[in-house]
N, C-alpha and C. Protein backbone atom coordinates (compact mmCIF):
# COMPACT_ATOMS: atom_id res chain seq x y z
N UNK A 1 -45.80 -39.08 37.28
CA UNK A 1 -45.60 -38.16 36.16
C UNK A 1 -44.37 -37.74 36.34
N UNK A 2 -43.15 -37.51 35.20
CA UNK A 2 -41.98 -37.28 35.24
C UNK A 2 -41.88 -35.74 34.70
N UNK A 3 -41.20 -35.06 34.93
CA UNK A 3 -40.96 -33.77 33.73
C UNK A 3 -40.41 -34.24 32.94
N UNK A 4 -40.62 -33.47 31.69
CA UNK A 4 -39.60 -34.06 30.36
C UNK A 4 -38.35 -33.69 30.50
N UNK A 5 -37.42 -34.19 29.58
CA UNK A 5 -36.27 -34.37 29.95
C UNK A 5 -35.45 -33.01 29.75
N UNK A 6 -36.14 -31.96 28.44
CA UNK A 6 -35.57 -30.24 28.45
C UNK A 6 -35.89 -30.04 29.44
N UNK A 7 -36.54 -29.99 30.62
CA UNK A 7 -36.76 -29.32 31.61
C UNK A 7 -36.01 -29.59 32.83
N UNK A 8 -35.25 -30.50 32.60
CA UNK A 8 -34.34 -30.85 33.42
C UNK A 8 -32.56 -30.55 32.86
N UNK A 9 -32.97 -30.19 32.04
CA UNK A 9 -31.39 -29.86 31.46
C UNK A 9 -30.91 -28.65 31.70
N UNK A 10 -29.45 -28.42 31.72
CA UNK A 10 -29.13 -27.19 32.02
C UNK A 10 -29.09 -26.44 30.73
N UNK A 11 -29.55 -27.06 29.42
CA UNK A 11 -29.64 -25.68 28.62
C UNK A 11 -30.63 -25.13 28.57
N UNK A 12 -32.17 -25.44 29.51
CA UNK A 12 -32.81 -24.66 29.48
C UNK A 12 -32.65 -23.47 30.26
N UNK A 13 -31.97 -23.92 31.72
CA UNK A 13 -32.07 -22.58 32.65
C UNK A 13 -30.50 -21.68 32.13
N UNK A 14 -29.90 -22.08 31.18
CA UNK A 14 -28.64 -21.06 30.92
C UNK A 14 -29.52 -19.96 29.89
N UNK A 15 -28.86 -18.30 30.30
CA UNK A 15 -29.51 -17.25 29.13
C UNK A 15 -29.43 -17.64 27.88
N UNK A 16 -30.10 -17.12 26.77
CA UNK A 16 -29.71 -17.39 25.58
C UNK A 16 -28.28 -15.96 25.23
N UNK A 17 -27.31 -16.97 24.81
CA UNK A 17 -26.66 -16.40 24.14
C UNK A 17 -26.52 -15.84 22.63
N UNK A 18 -25.44 -15.18 22.06
CA UNK A 18 -25.51 -14.98 20.56
C UNK A 18 -25.05 -16.36 20.10
N UNK A 19 -24.27 -17.09 20.39
CA UNK A 19 -23.77 -18.44 20.15
C UNK A 19 -24.88 -19.19 20.09
N UNK A 20 -25.55 -19.74 20.66
CA UNK A 20 -26.49 -20.05 20.82
C UNK A 20 -27.69 -19.92 19.99
N UNK A 21 -27.90 -18.89 19.97
CA UNK A 21 -29.71 -18.44 18.89
C UNK A 21 -29.32 -18.48 17.77
N UNK A 22 -30.41 -17.89 17.07
CA UNK A 22 -30.64 -18.30 15.68
C UNK A 22 -29.16 -16.94 15.35
N UNK A 23 -28.99 -17.25 13.63
CA UNK A 23 -28.36 -16.25 12.95
C UNK A 23 -29.20 -14.81 12.88
N UNK A 24 -29.84 -14.68 13.30
CA UNK A 24 -30.21 -13.09 13.88
C UNK A 24 -30.19 -12.58 15.00
N UNK A 25 -29.72 -13.20 15.99
CA UNK A 25 -29.90 -12.98 17.36
C UNK A 25 -28.56 -12.40 17.40
N UNK A 26 -28.29 -11.06 18.25
CA UNK A 26 -26.90 -10.26 18.39
C UNK A 26 -27.74 -9.94 19.48
N UNK A 27 -27.27 -9.76 20.61
CA UNK A 27 -27.35 -9.47 22.04
C UNK A 27 -26.58 -8.03 22.05
N UNK A 28 -25.39 -8.34 21.65
CA UNK A 28 -24.32 -6.76 22.12
C UNK A 28 -24.03 -7.31 23.54
N UNK A 29 -23.00 -6.01 23.61
CA UNK A 29 -22.40 -5.86 24.91
C UNK A 29 -22.55 -5.35 26.15
N UNK A 30 -23.93 -4.61 25.41
CA UNK A 30 -24.19 -3.28 26.33
C UNK A 30 -23.58 -2.53 26.96
N UNK A 31 -22.81 -2.02 26.30
CA UNK A 31 -21.81 -0.89 26.86
C UNK A 31 -22.70 0.58 26.54
N UNK A 32 -23.73 0.10 25.56
CA UNK A 32 -24.32 1.32 25.18
C UNK A 32 -25.21 2.35 26.48
N UNK A 33 -25.26 1.27 27.45
CA UNK A 33 -26.38 1.54 28.61
C UNK A 33 -25.47 1.46 29.93
N UNK A 34 -24.23 1.65 29.80
CA UNK A 34 -23.66 2.17 31.21
C UNK A 34 -23.78 3.14 31.12
N UNK A 35 -23.93 4.23 32.65
CA UNK A 35 -23.50 5.63 32.44
C UNK A 35 -22.36 6.07 32.05
N UNK A 36 -22.38 7.35 31.34
CA UNK A 36 -20.75 7.91 30.95
C UNK A 36 -20.18 6.91 30.23
N UNK A 37 -20.89 5.56 29.47
CA UNK A 37 -19.76 5.06 28.83
C UNK A 37 -19.63 5.34 27.39
N UNK A 38 -18.67 4.63 26.70
CA UNK A 38 -18.73 4.80 25.44
C UNK A 38 -20.14 4.61 24.62
N UNK A 39 -20.57 5.80 23.64
CA UNK A 39 -21.26 5.54 22.94
C UNK A 39 -21.80 4.52 21.71
N UNK A 40 -22.02 3.61 21.95
CA UNK A 40 -22.35 2.39 21.34
C UNK A 40 -23.21 1.93 21.16
N UNK A 41 -23.93 1.66 19.97
CA UNK A 41 -25.18 1.21 20.15
C UNK A 41 -26.10 2.25 19.30
N UNK A 42 -27.53 1.62 19.49
CA UNK A 42 -28.21 2.53 18.55
C UNK A 42 -28.42 4.29 19.38
N UNK A 43 -28.87 5.02 18.56
CA UNK A 43 -28.52 6.67 18.60
C UNK A 43 -30.13 7.13 19.10
N UNK A 44 -30.93 6.16 19.29
CA UNK A 44 -32.32 6.42 19.89
C UNK A 44 -32.92 5.73 19.98
N UNK A 45 -34.09 5.93 19.80
CA UNK A 45 -35.42 4.18 20.48
C UNK A 45 -36.54 4.15 19.66
N UNK A 46 -36.79 3.11 19.90
CA UNK A 46 -38.39 2.90 19.05
C UNK A 46 -39.63 3.34 20.13
N UNK A 47 -40.50 3.74 19.01
CA UNK A 47 -41.42 4.58 20.02
C UNK A 47 -42.83 3.72 18.94
N UNK A 48 -43.78 3.82 19.87
CA UNK A 48 -44.72 2.67 19.62
C UNK A 48 -45.95 3.94 18.93
N UNK A 49 -46.24 4.90 19.92
CA UNK A 49 -47.37 5.97 19.64
C UNK A 49 -46.92 6.99 18.37
N UNK A 50 -47.71 7.73 17.54
CA UNK A 50 -46.95 8.54 16.99
C UNK A 50 -47.15 8.19 15.52
N UNK A 51 -46.60 9.13 14.32
CA UNK A 51 -46.03 8.87 13.05
C UNK A 51 -45.02 8.66 13.37
N UNK A 52 -44.05 9.25 13.28
CA UNK A 52 -42.51 8.75 13.83
C UNK A 52 -42.24 7.28 14.55
N UNK A 53 -42.26 6.52 13.71
CA UNK A 53 -41.31 5.01 15.07
C UNK A 53 -40.42 4.63 15.38
N UNK A 54 -39.12 6.07 15.33
CA UNK A 54 -38.16 5.86 15.76
C UNK A 54 -37.78 7.28 15.95
N UNK A 55 -37.26 8.00 17.49
CA UNK A 55 -37.01 9.20 17.98
C UNK A 55 -35.79 8.73 18.13
N UNK A 56 -34.66 9.87 17.47
CA UNK A 56 -33.35 10.45 17.87
C UNK A 56 -33.12 10.50 19.21
N UNK A 57 -32.26 10.57 19.57
CA UNK A 57 -31.71 11.31 21.25
C UNK A 57 -31.04 11.50 21.04
N UNK A 58 -30.69 12.80 21.20
CA UNK A 58 -29.45 13.72 20.93
C UNK A 58 -28.29 13.37 22.00
N UNK A 59 -28.66 12.48 23.19
CA UNK A 59 -27.17 12.50 24.07
C UNK A 59 -26.73 11.01 23.51
N UNK A 60 -27.20 10.23 22.37
CA UNK A 60 -26.93 8.66 22.31
C UNK A 60 -26.05 9.45 20.81
N UNK A 61 -26.49 10.54 20.27
CA UNK A 61 -26.17 10.53 18.56
C UNK A 61 -24.37 11.11 18.69
N UNK A 62 -23.79 10.42 17.92
CA UNK A 62 -22.75 10.26 18.12
C UNK A 62 -22.08 11.65 17.25
N UNK A 63 -21.23 12.69 17.65
CA UNK A 63 -20.77 13.80 16.90
C UNK A 63 -19.53 14.05 17.01
N UNK A 64 -19.45 14.43 15.58
CA UNK A 64 -17.43 14.37 15.32
C UNK A 64 -17.18 16.09 15.07
N UNK A 65 -16.64 17.06 15.60
CA UNK A 65 -16.21 18.40 15.22
C UNK A 65 -15.27 18.20 14.44
N UNK A 66 -15.39 19.00 13.32
CA UNK A 66 -14.27 18.91 11.98
C UNK A 66 -13.71 20.49 12.50
N UNK A 67 -12.18 20.23 12.23
CA UNK A 67 -11.88 21.76 11.68
C UNK A 67 -12.31 22.80 10.78
N UNK A 68 -12.27 23.59 10.65
CA UNK A 68 -12.66 24.67 9.13
C UNK A 68 -11.93 24.12 7.88
N UNK A 69 -13.12 24.26 6.91
CA UNK A 69 -12.61 23.68 5.63
C UNK A 69 -11.01 24.44 5.46
N UNK A 70 -11.15 25.67 5.18
CA UNK A 70 -9.81 26.74 4.80
C UNK A 70 -8.59 25.92 5.52
N UNK A 71 -8.78 25.36 7.15
CA UNK A 71 -7.37 24.42 7.51
C UNK A 71 -7.35 23.04 6.69
N UNK A 72 -8.60 22.34 6.36
CA UNK A 72 -7.95 21.17 5.91
C UNK A 72 -7.45 21.39 4.43
N UNK A 73 -7.65 22.62 4.04
CA UNK A 73 -7.11 22.76 2.58
C UNK A 73 -5.80 22.97 2.62
N UNK A 74 -5.44 23.71 3.64
CA UNK A 74 -4.25 24.56 3.47
C UNK A 74 -3.39 23.71 4.34
N UNK A 75 -3.74 22.23 4.85
CA UNK A 75 -2.85 21.75 5.45
C UNK A 75 -2.17 20.90 4.56
N UNK A 76 -0.75 20.35 4.97
CA UNK A 76 0.28 20.07 4.54
C UNK A 76 -0.06 18.47 4.12
N UNK A 77 -1.16 17.37 5.16
CA UNK A 77 -1.78 16.38 5.22
C UNK A 77 -2.43 16.56 4.31
N UNK A 78 -2.58 15.35 3.45
CA UNK A 78 -3.47 15.22 2.36
C UNK A 78 -3.87 13.49 2.62
N UNK A 79 -4.57 12.80 1.81
CA UNK A 79 -5.11 11.94 1.76
C UNK A 79 -4.02 10.93 0.79
N UNK A 80 -4.08 9.39 1.14
CA UNK A 80 -3.35 8.62 0.92
C UNK A 80 -3.03 9.12 -0.84
N UNK A 81 -4.33 9.16 -1.81
CA UNK A 81 -4.15 9.07 -2.79
C UNK A 81 -5.39 9.94 -2.99
N UNK A 82 -5.18 11.59 -3.54
CA UNK A 82 -5.89 12.84 -3.85
C UNK A 82 -6.53 12.71 -4.86
N UNK A 83 -7.95 12.87 -5.08
CA UNK A 83 -8.24 12.80 -6.40
C UNK A 83 -7.83 13.39 -7.48
N UNK A 84 -7.51 14.56 -7.30
CA UNK A 84 -6.68 15.47 -8.71
C UNK A 84 -5.08 14.92 -8.78
N UNK A 85 -4.98 13.91 -7.95
CA UNK A 85 -3.26 13.38 -7.98
C UNK A 85 -3.23 12.98 -9.35
N UNK A 86 -2.31 13.49 -10.34
CA UNK A 86 -1.72 12.74 -11.49
C UNK A 86 -0.46 12.56 -11.61
N UNK A 87 -0.25 11.54 -12.45
CA UNK A 87 1.46 11.20 -12.40
C UNK A 87 2.13 12.15 -13.60
N UNK A 88 3.04 12.23 -13.79
CA UNK A 88 3.68 13.08 -14.65
C UNK A 88 4.21 11.70 -15.21
N UNK A 89 4.28 11.99 -16.76
CA UNK A 89 5.11 11.00 -17.50
C UNK A 89 6.40 10.37 -17.29
N UNK A 90 7.19 11.33 -16.66
CA UNK A 90 8.92 10.07 -16.03
C UNK A 90 8.19 9.89 -14.98
N UNK A 91 7.02 10.26 -14.01
CA UNK A 91 6.65 9.46 -13.30
C UNK A 91 5.77 7.95 -13.16
N UNK A 92 5.54 8.26 -14.46
CA UNK A 92 4.38 7.06 -14.87
C UNK A 92 6.00 5.76 -14.98
N UNK A 93 6.98 6.57 -16.04
CA UNK A 93 7.91 5.62 -16.67
C UNK A 93 9.09 5.07 -15.27
N UNK A 94 9.10 5.83 -14.26
CA UNK A 94 9.93 5.45 -13.31
C UNK A 94 8.89 4.34 -12.72
N UNK A 95 7.93 4.25 -12.40
CA UNK A 95 6.89 3.25 -12.02
C UNK A 95 6.85 2.08 -12.62
N UNK A 96 5.97 2.57 -13.91
CA UNK A 96 5.41 0.91 -15.01
C UNK A 96 6.85 0.54 -15.85
N UNK A 97 7.46 1.59 -16.33
CA UNK A 97 8.70 1.29 -17.28
C UNK A 97 7.80 1.62 -18.40
N UNK A 98 8.45 0.58 -19.38
CA UNK A 98 7.76 0.80 -20.96
C UNK A 98 6.61 -0.15 -21.02
N UNK A 99 6.47 -0.94 -20.12
CA UNK A 99 5.13 -2.03 -20.27
C UNK A 99 3.76 -1.44 -19.92
N UNK A 100 3.49 0.25 -19.40
CA UNK A 100 2.40 0.54 -18.75
C UNK A 100 1.50 0.92 -20.23
N UNK A 101 1.77 0.34 -21.52
CA UNK A 101 0.93 0.54 -22.45
C UNK A 101 0.26 -0.58 -22.80
N UNK A 102 -0.46 -0.46 -24.55
CA UNK A 102 -1.40 -1.54 -24.45
C UNK A 102 -0.59 -3.12 -24.51
N UNK A 103 0.44 -2.88 -24.57
CA UNK A 103 1.18 -4.33 -25.04
C UNK A 103 1.28 -5.11 -23.86
N UNK A 104 1.13 -4.77 -22.64
CA UNK A 104 1.11 -5.14 -21.80
C UNK A 104 2.71 -5.67 -20.77
N UNK A 105 2.59 -6.55 -19.71
CA UNK A 105 4.00 -7.29 -19.93
C UNK A 105 3.94 -8.44 -20.14
N UNK A 106 5.56 -8.60 -21.02
CA UNK A 106 5.70 -10.09 -21.26
C UNK A 106 6.83 -10.45 -20.41
N UNK A 107 6.62 -11.93 -20.21
CA UNK A 107 7.48 -12.09 -19.76
C UNK A 107 9.04 -12.09 -19.45
N UNK A 108 9.39 -11.81 -20.75
CA UNK A 108 10.52 -11.38 -21.00
C UNK A 108 11.01 -9.94 -20.98
N UNK A 109 10.30 -9.01 -20.65
CA UNK A 109 10.31 -8.12 -20.66
C UNK A 109 10.60 -8.03 -18.83
N UNK A 110 9.83 -8.37 -18.18
CA UNK A 110 9.50 -8.44 -16.47
C UNK A 110 11.33 -9.28 -16.39
N UNK A 111 11.19 -10.60 -17.01
CA UNK A 111 12.44 -11.04 -16.97
C UNK A 111 14.11 -10.10 -16.40
N UNK A 112 13.92 -9.22 -17.66
CA UNK A 112 14.81 -8.48 -18.41
C UNK A 112 14.98 -7.14 -17.05
N UNK A 113 14.06 -6.64 -17.34
CA UNK A 113 13.79 -5.65 -16.21
C UNK A 113 14.10 -5.91 -14.63
N UNK A 114 13.63 -7.44 -14.11
CA UNK A 114 14.09 -7.98 -12.85
C UNK A 114 15.52 -7.84 -12.90
N UNK A 115 16.33 -8.44 -13.55
CA UNK A 115 17.60 -8.09 -13.52
C UNK A 115 18.46 -7.01 -13.78
N UNK A 116 17.37 -6.10 -14.27
CA UNK A 116 18.17 -5.11 -14.08
C UNK A 116 18.15 -4.13 -12.64
N UNK A 117 16.98 -4.15 -12.20
CA UNK A 117 16.58 -3.57 -10.67
C UNK A 117 18.02 -4.22 -9.57
N UNK A 118 17.66 -5.99 -9.96
CA UNK A 118 18.74 -6.66 -8.93
C UNK A 118 19.90 -6.39 -9.17
N UNK A 119 20.26 -6.01 -10.16
CA UNK A 119 21.79 -5.45 -10.47
C UNK A 119 22.13 -4.26 -9.94
N UNK A 120 21.29 -3.76 -10.16
CA UNK A 120 21.40 -1.87 -10.04
C UNK A 120 21.13 -2.19 -8.21
N UNK A 121 20.95 -2.66 -7.77
CA UNK A 121 20.83 -2.78 -6.22
C UNK A 121 21.67 -3.44 -5.32
N UNK A 122 22.14 -4.30 -6.35
CA UNK A 122 23.62 -5.19 -5.67
C UNK A 122 24.34 -4.38 -5.95
N UNK A 123 24.74 -3.69 -7.07
CA UNK A 123 25.79 -2.58 -7.30
C UNK A 123 25.79 -0.97 -7.67
N UNK A 124 25.51 -0.34 -6.28
CA UNK A 124 25.10 0.76 -6.74
C UNK A 124 26.01 1.56 -6.93
N UNK A 125 27.57 1.35 -7.07
CA UNK A 125 28.42 2.57 -7.51
C UNK A 125 28.53 2.43 -9.02
N UNK A 126 28.12 1.22 -9.73
CA UNK A 126 28.13 0.84 -11.03
C UNK A 126 27.00 0.32 -11.41
N UNK A 127 25.21 0.85 -11.58
CA UNK A 127 24.07 0.56 -11.34
C UNK A 127 24.07 -0.37 -12.91
N UNK A 128 24.46 0.08 -13.82
CA UNK A 128 24.52 -0.70 -14.93
C UNK A 128 25.42 -1.52 -15.46
N UNK A 129 24.60 -2.67 -16.30
CA UNK A 129 25.67 -3.79 -16.67
C UNK A 129 26.59 -3.42 -17.81
N UNK A 130 26.14 -2.25 -18.49
CA UNK A 130 26.51 -2.08 -20.03
C UNK A 130 27.07 -0.64 -20.00
N UNK A 131 27.83 -0.41 -19.98
CA UNK A 131 28.72 1.33 -19.62
C UNK A 131 28.01 2.10 -21.10
N UNK A 132 27.32 3.21 -20.65
CA UNK A 132 26.51 4.28 -21.62
C UNK A 132 25.35 4.04 -21.68
N UNK A 133 25.17 2.71 -21.17
CA UNK A 133 23.36 2.60 -21.27
C UNK A 133 22.61 2.58 -20.25
N UNK A 134 21.41 3.57 -20.14
CA UNK A 134 20.88 3.66 -18.94
C UNK A 134 19.32 2.71 -19.36
N UNK A 135 18.55 1.82 -18.47
CA UNK A 135 17.11 1.52 -18.95
C UNK A 135 16.66 2.75 -19.01
N UNK A 136 15.40 2.44 -19.68
CA UNK A 136 14.13 3.72 -19.54
C UNK A 136 14.10 4.03 -17.98
N UNK A 137 13.37 2.93 -17.60
CA UNK A 137 12.76 2.99 -15.81
C UNK A 137 14.29 3.93 -15.28
N UNK A 138 15.53 3.85 -15.60
CA UNK A 138 16.82 4.55 -14.40
C UNK A 138 16.83 5.71 -14.95
N UNK A 139 16.65 6.17 -16.39
CA UNK A 139 16.68 7.44 -16.33
C UNK A 139 15.46 8.57 -15.71
N UNK A 140 14.48 7.76 -15.55
CA UNK A 140 13.83 8.45 -15.46
C UNK A 140 13.35 8.58 -14.01
N UNK A 141 14.09 7.64 -13.42
CA UNK A 141 14.54 7.70 -11.96
C UNK A 141 15.59 8.70 -11.58
N UNK A 142 16.46 8.75 -12.84
CA UNK A 142 17.43 10.26 -12.20
C UNK A 142 16.98 11.30 -12.28
N UNK A 143 15.97 11.31 -13.68
CA UNK A 143 15.05 12.64 -13.98
C UNK A 143 14.53 13.00 -12.41
N UNK A 144 14.06 12.16 -11.85
CA UNK A 144 12.77 12.32 -10.89
C UNK A 144 14.08 12.66 -9.77
N UNK A 145 15.15 12.51 -9.41
CA UNK A 145 16.31 12.68 -8.74
C UNK A 145 15.88 11.35 -7.09
N UNK A 146 15.37 10.17 -7.73
CA UNK A 146 14.94 9.25 -6.92
C UNK A 146 16.06 8.32 -6.70
N UNK A 147 17.18 8.71 -8.09
CA UNK A 147 18.55 7.83 -7.68
C UNK A 147 19.72 8.82 -8.18
N UNK A 148 21.47 8.48 -8.39
CA UNK A 148 21.69 9.11 -8.53
C UNK A 148 22.03 9.32 -10.29
N UNK A 149 22.98 9.80 -10.44
CA UNK A 149 23.69 9.47 -11.90
C UNK A 149 24.61 8.94 -12.30
N UNK A 150 24.70 7.50 -12.40
CA UNK A 150 25.67 6.58 -12.69
C UNK A 150 27.02 7.63 -13.73
N UNK A 151 26.31 7.92 -14.79
CA UNK A 151 27.52 8.89 -15.76
C UNK A 151 28.06 9.79 -15.30
N UNK A 152 28.12 10.33 -14.20
CA UNK A 152 28.59 11.31 -13.16
C UNK A 152 29.49 11.06 -12.30
N UNK A 153 29.70 9.79 -12.29
CA UNK A 153 30.87 9.38 -11.22
C UNK A 153 32.16 9.04 -12.69
N UNK A 154 32.33 9.22 -13.63
CA UNK A 154 33.21 9.05 -14.77
C UNK A 154 33.81 7.37 -14.64
N UNK A 155 32.99 6.94 -15.30
CA UNK A 155 33.01 5.30 -15.68
C UNK A 155 34.12 5.13 -16.53
N UNK A 156 34.86 4.51 -16.79
CA UNK A 156 35.83 3.87 -17.80
C UNK A 156 35.92 2.57 -18.10
N UNK A 157 36.03 1.90 -19.54
CA UNK A 157 35.51 0.30 -19.40
C UNK A 157 37.03 0.02 -19.35
N UNK A 158 37.79 -1.09 -18.83
CA UNK A 158 39.21 -1.17 -18.83
C UNK A 158 39.47 -2.90 -19.79
N UNK A 159 39.61 -2.30 -20.75
CA UNK A 159 39.96 -3.62 -21.63
C UNK A 159 38.78 -4.09 -22.84
N UNK A 160 39.26 -4.29 -24.16
CA UNK A 160 38.38 -3.99 -24.85
C UNK A 160 37.50 -5.93 -25.00
N UNK A 161 38.45 -6.62 -24.68
CA UNK A 161 37.52 -8.23 -24.42
C UNK A 161 36.43 -8.15 -23.05
N UNK A 162 35.82 -9.39 -23.28
CA UNK A 162 34.99 -9.47 -22.34
C UNK A 162 36.09 -10.36 -21.10
N UNK A 163 35.51 -10.23 -19.92
CA UNK A 163 36.26 -11.23 -19.32
C UNK A 163 35.95 -12.62 -18.97
N UNK A 164 36.99 -13.37 -19.10
CA UNK A 164 36.68 -14.78 -18.72
C UNK A 164 36.17 -15.59 -19.46
N UNK A 165 35.78 -15.22 -20.97
CA UNK A 165 35.97 -16.08 -22.36
C UNK A 165 34.61 -16.42 -22.47
N UNK A 166 34.41 -17.28 -23.74
CA UNK A 166 32.80 -17.35 -23.95
C UNK A 166 32.20 -18.48 -22.84
N UNK A 167 33.24 -18.95 -22.09
CA UNK A 167 32.45 -20.59 -20.89
C UNK A 167 32.02 -19.57 -19.70
N UNK A 168 32.63 -18.12 -19.34
CA UNK A 168 31.94 -17.62 -18.56
C UNK A 168 30.56 -16.86 -18.33
N UNK A 169 29.77 -17.15 -17.61
CA UNK A 169 28.21 -16.45 -17.65
C UNK A 169 28.20 -15.05 -17.96
N UNK A 170 29.78 -14.53 -17.23
CA UNK A 170 29.46 -12.72 -17.66
C UNK A 170 29.85 -12.55 -18.63
N UNK A 171 30.02 -13.23 -19.99
CA UNK A 171 30.82 -13.05 -21.18
C UNK A 171 30.68 -11.82 -21.85
N UNK A 172 29.39 -11.22 -21.84
CA UNK A 172 29.00 -9.69 -22.52
C UNK A 172 29.30 -8.66 -21.61
N UNK A 173 29.87 -9.07 -20.56
CA UNK A 173 29.91 -7.90 -19.81
C UNK A 173 31.81 -7.27 -19.29
N UNK A 174 31.99 -6.03 -19.51
CA UNK A 174 33.17 -5.88 -19.71
C UNK A 174 33.39 -4.94 -17.99
N UNK A 175 34.79 -5.38 -17.84
CA UNK A 175 35.06 -4.48 -16.87
C UNK A 175 34.95 -3.31 -16.36
N UNK A 176 34.50 -2.48 -14.94
CA UNK A 176 34.26 -1.06 -15.21
C UNK A 176 35.41 -0.81 -13.97
N UNK A 177 36.03 0.36 -14.43
CA UNK A 177 37.13 0.83 -13.29
C UNK A 177 36.88 2.65 -13.12
N UNK A 178 36.67 2.99 -12.00
CA UNK A 178 36.30 4.27 -11.75
C UNK A 178 37.34 5.23 -11.90
N UNK A 179 37.19 6.06 -12.95
CA UNK A 179 38.04 7.57 -13.19
C UNK A 179 37.83 8.55 -12.21
N UNK A 180 38.62 8.72 -11.23
CA UNK A 180 38.77 10.32 -10.40
C UNK A 180 38.59 11.54 -11.63
N UNK A 181 38.24 12.37 -11.29
CA UNK A 181 38.41 13.73 -12.41
C UNK A 181 39.61 14.33 -11.72
N UNK A 182 40.44 14.57 -12.58
CA UNK A 182 41.75 15.31 -12.24
C UNK A 182 41.54 17.20 -11.87
N UNK A 183 41.58 17.25 -10.30
CA UNK A 183 41.46 18.45 -10.17
C UNK A 183 42.40 19.72 -9.97
N UNK A 184 42.14 20.94 -10.78
CA UNK A 184 42.91 21.42 -11.16
C UNK A 184 43.73 22.38 -10.45
């Protein structure tokens, strides 16, 4: 009589691993049992006798010693988003613009604001396309001192006609020139 093929195969001789086991079979890395090792694994052990079937061991329980609550509250470090943090109306306007209300964001409004932001980023010396007009998001950023006030630089329009004519893409724009204030 010959032994069965399963007894001769190497699969039966190798120890069972989590990869070969069932979905509920987890072996772990057994670091909790190393002397002086990190406290991984269970904080206690199962007991067969007695009312409580699980006993916590003080040597295995993880402990974190926190600083006093007065020191935490007086610290400059705060959570990323505090529960009591509220945005002012200027901050909401600087972040969301005019579309934070019930109307929502329309594609036309998104395109207009994206163009305004792009133009302001590419032209920091005169961030608005039209002199004398600042969008609401820009006014809120100026009020919060996130960006400088472009009207404080003394911009003047050079010429009453648009540059380039009707064929030019920038037909609605006029050229700006910086006017230095005269010192007395």
